[in-house]
Amino acid sequence: MTVAISATASPFCARSVATVSTSCCLTGFIPRGHAEAFVGGDSFDIVLLDWMLPGIGGDQVVVRLREEVGWGLPVLFVTSRDREADIVRALEAGADDYMVKPVSKAETLARVAALDRRTRGPAGGSATVELPPFVLDPAERLILRDGEAVALAPREYELAAFLLRNVGRLLSRRHLFESV
């Protein structure tokens, strides 16, 4: 799982999410003053975002993410703003979840895992994927084309499976290298 975390979301969140598993790669940390550049140029599985970013509001970043990336990328707000109006505004802008600082490690990890499950399904994509003429069968580590097994080297299988699980999603070269 590749997680983007805004620099203002909290160093604690960064340390917490980095410990979730060896498959969690922390990238896209937004340096102060560069929030505008965040919405382009890379691909992520989940975004952890603070409301108060330099030069732009987190709600505006979410709106741009939804316009430019779509609704397949989960966004979790982690911020000190605790007013109901702020929470509603962030959720209406397109955030999937909202946590008020200070946050606990266990709750942060549980919410990240829940967003990942909702997006990719249980066990990060262990279900069969049918995309005619292809069928991905992760249990058997097979890719079928028109019912016939496609002969693939292990790395080729991982790449093909990753692409089939992410059809319609814009993926950067960096994300492909980190995920396969």
Protein backbone atom coordinates (compact mmCIF):
# COMPACT_ATOMS: atom_id res chain seq x y z
CA MET A 1 0.00 0.00 0.00
CA THR A 2 1.40 3.40 -0.94
CA VAL A 3 0.26 6.17 1.38
CA ALA A 4 0.61 9.90 0.74
CA ILE A 5 0.77 11.99 3.89
CA SER A 6 0.76 15.76 4.04
CA ALA A 7 3.64 17.16 6.09
CA THR A 8 1.20 18.90 8.38
CA ALA A 9 -0.91 15.79 9.02
CA SER A 10 1.54 14.84 11.76
CA PRO A 11 4.87 13.08 12.06
CA PHE A 12 3.07 10.65 14.40
CA CYS A 13 0.76 9.58 11.55
CA ALA A 14 3.76 9.06 9.30
CA ARG A 15 5.49 6.83 11.88
CA SER A 16 2.26 4.94 12.60
CA VAL A 17 1.40 4.17 8.99
CA ALA A 18 4.99 3.25 8.16
CA THR A 19 4.79 0.46 10.75
CA VAL A 20 1.59 -1.10 9.36
CA SER A 21 3.49 -3.70 7.33
CA THR A 22 6.39 -4.16 4.97
CA SER A 23 3.97 -3.56 2.10
CA CYS A 24 3.32 0.01 3.25
CA CYS A 25 5.53 2.48 1.45
CA LEU A 26 5.38 6.06 2.65
CA THR A 27 5.76 8.44 -0.29
CA GLY A 28 4.37 11.74 -1.40
CA PHE A 29 5.09 13.52 1.86
CA ILE A 30 4.05 17.10 1.07
CA PRO A 31 6.82 19.52 1.99
CA ARG A 32 5.67 22.80 3.47
CA GLY A 33 4.92 25.28 0.71
CA HIS A 34 4.34 22.65 -2.00
CA ALA A 35 0.73 21.59 -1.45
CA GLU A 36 -0.31 22.58 -4.98
CA ALA A 37 2.15 20.11 -6.52
CA PHE A 38 0.64 17.27 -4.50
CA VAL A 39 -2.32 16.59 -6.77
CA GLY A 40 -0.22 15.67 -9.78
CA GLY A 41 2.72 13.54 -10.74
CA ASP A 42 2.37 10.43 -8.59
CA SER A 43 -0.11 7.74 -7.65
CA PHE A 44 -1.11 6.52 -4.21
CA ASP A 45 -3.44 4.00 -2.61
CA ILE A 46 -4.53 6.30 0.23
CA VAL A 47 -4.07 9.98 1.09
CA LEU A 48 -3.80 11.26 4.68
CA LEU A 49 -4.38 14.97 4.58
CA ASP A 50 -4.44 17.88 7.02
CA TRP A 51 -6.87 20.76 6.65
CA MET A 52 -4.28 23.48 7.14
CA LEU A 53 -1.77 23.28 4.32
CA PRO A 54 0.52 26.10 3.25
CA GLY A 55 -1.13 28.13 0.50
CA ILE A 56 -4.21 25.93 0.08
CA GLY A 57 -6.89 24.38 2.27
CA GLY A 58 -7.11 20.61 2.58
CA ASP A 59 -10.72 20.82 1.41
CA GLN A 60 -9.50 22.44 -1.81
CA VAL A 61 -6.90 19.69 -2.29
CA VAL A 62 -9.66 17.07 -1.93
CA VAL A 63 -11.82 18.83 -4.51
CA ARG A 64 -8.86 18.91 -6.95
CA LEU A 65 -8.05 15.25 -6.24
CA ARG A 66 -11.64 14.28 -7.00
CA GLU A 67 -11.64 16.36 -10.20
CA GLU A 68 -8.24 15.19 -11.46
CA VAL A 69 -7.87 11.67 -10.01
CA GLY A 70 -11.46 10.60 -9.39
CA TRP A 71 -13.25 8.86 -6.54
CA GLY A 72 -11.15 5.69 -6.43
CA LEU A 73 -8.47 7.26 -4.21
CA PRO A 74 -9.49 7.25 -0.53
CA VAL A 75 -8.80 10.41 1.47
CA LEU A 76 -8.51 10.48 5.27
CA PHE A 77 -8.42 13.90 6.92
CA VAL A 78 -6.22 14.05 10.04
CA THR A 79 -6.52 17.52 11.52
CA SER A 80 -6.98 19.53 14.69
CA ARG A 81 -10.19 21.13 13.41
CA ASP A 82 -12.95 19.59 15.49
CA ARG A 83 -16.00 21.73 14.72
CA GLU A 84 -18.92 19.87 13.20
CA ALA A 85 -19.11 22.40 10.35
CA ASP A 86 -15.47 21.67 9.40
CA ILE A 87 -16.02 17.92 9.47
CA VAL A 88 -19.13 18.21 7.31
CA ARG A 89 -17.33 20.55 4.88
CA ALA A 90 -14.41 18.12 4.45
CA LEU A 91 -16.72 15.15 3.91
CA GLU A 92 -18.85 17.11 1.44
CA ALA A 93 -15.67 18.15 -0.41
CA GLY A 94 -14.92 14.46 -0.97
CA ALA A 95 -13.03 13.13 2.07
CA ASP A 96 -13.83 9.51 2.94
CA ASP A 97 -13.07 9.77 6.65
CA TYR A 98 -12.06 12.36 9.23
CA MET A 99 -9.96 12.11 12.41
CA VAL A 100 -9.39 14.87 14.95
CA LYS A 101 -5.88 15.23 16.43
CA PRO A 102 -4.49 13.96 18.65
CA VAL A 103 -4.98 10.54 17.09
CA SER A 104 -3.99 7.12 18.38
CA LYS A 105 -1.78 4.77 16.42
CA ALA A 106 -4.27 1.90 16.62
CA GLU A 107 -7.20 3.98 15.38
CA THR A 108 -5.14 5.52 12.57
CA LEU A 109 -4.02 2.08 11.37
CA ALA A 110 -7.55 0.68 11.65
CA ARG A 111 -9.00 3.53 9.58
CA VAL A 112 -6.27 3.23 6.93
CA ALA A 113 -6.89 -0.54 6.74
CA ALA A 114 -10.68 0.02 6.48
CA LEU A 115 -10.24 2.50 3.63
CA ASP A 116 -7.91 0.08 1.87
CA ARG A 117 -10.43 -2.77 2.26
CA ARG A 118 -13.26 -0.64 0.89
CA THR A 119 -11.17 0.33 -2.12
CA ARG A 120 -9.39 -2.91 -2.96
CA GLY A 121 -11.48 -5.55 -1.23
CA PRO A 122 -10.44 -8.01 1.47
CA ALA A 123 -6.78 -9.08 1.58
CA GLY A 124 -5.76 -6.34 -0.87
CA GLY A 125 -7.19 -7.95 -3.99
CA SER A 126 -7.39 -11.71 -3.44
CA ALA A 127 -10.69 -11.99 -5.36
CA THR A 128 -10.90 -13.18 -8.95
CA VAL A 129 -10.94 -10.32 -11.44
CA GLU A 130 -12.80 -10.78 -14.72
CA LEU A 131 -12.03 -8.30 -17.45
CA PRO A 132 -12.87 -9.99 -20.78
CA PRO A 133 -11.00 -11.56 -22.40
CA PHE A 134 -8.83 -11.80 -19.26
CA VAL A 135 -9.44 -13.49 -15.91
CA LEU A 136 -7.08 -13.03 -12.96
CA ASP A 137 -7.14 -15.94 -10.48
CA PRO A 138 -4.90 -14.92 -7.55
CA ALA A 139 -5.51 -18.18 -5.66
CA GLU A 140 -3.94 -20.16 -8.53
CA ARG A 141 -1.59 -17.32 -9.59
CA LEU A 142 -2.99 -17.57 -13.12
CA ILE A 143 -4.05 -15.16 -15.78
CA LEU A 144 -6.34 -16.60 -18.41
CA ARG A 145 -7.03 -15.17 -21.84
CA ASP A 146 -10.13 -16.56 -23.51
CA GLY A 147 -9.98 -19.46 -21.03
CA GLU A 148 -6.35 -20.35 -21.78
CA ALA A 149 -3.56 -19.85 -19.23
CA VAL A 150 -1.04 -17.18 -20.22
CA ALA A 151 2.57 -18.25 -19.61
CA LEU A 152 4.21 -15.54 -17.52
CA ALA A 153 7.38 -15.24 -15.48
CA PRO A 154 6.74 -14.41 -11.78
CA ARG A 155 7.49 -10.69 -12.21
CA GLU A 156 5.36 -10.53 -15.37
CA TYR A 157 2.47 -12.13 -13.47
CA GLU A 158 2.78 -9.57 -10.62
CA LEU A 159 2.77 -6.68 -13.08
CA ALA A 160 -0.17 -8.03 -15.09
CA ALA A 161 -2.14 -8.77 -11.90
CA PHE A 162 -1.44 -5.27 -10.55
CA LEU A 163 -2.58 -3.66 -13.81
CA LEU A 164 -5.75 -5.79 -13.97
CA ARG A 165 -6.62 -4.81 -10.38
CA ASN A 166 -6.15 -1.14 -11.24
CA VAL A 167 -7.91 -0.82 -14.60
CA GLY A 168 -9.05 2.73 -15.23
CA ARG A 169 -6.67 4.18 -12.66
CA LEU A 170 -3.77 6.42 -13.67
CA LEU A 171 -0.55 4.93 -12.25
CA SER A 172 2.86 6.53 -12.23
CA ARG A 173 5.99 4.64 -13.16
CA ARG A 174 7.25 5.14 -9.60
CA HIS A 175 4.08 3.58 -8.16
CA LEU A 176 4.45 0.58 -10.48
CA PHE A 177 8.07 0.06 -9.42
CA GLU A 178 7.16 0.30 -5.74
CA SER A 179 4.14 -1.97 -6.01
CA VAL A 180 5.48 -4.77 -8.21
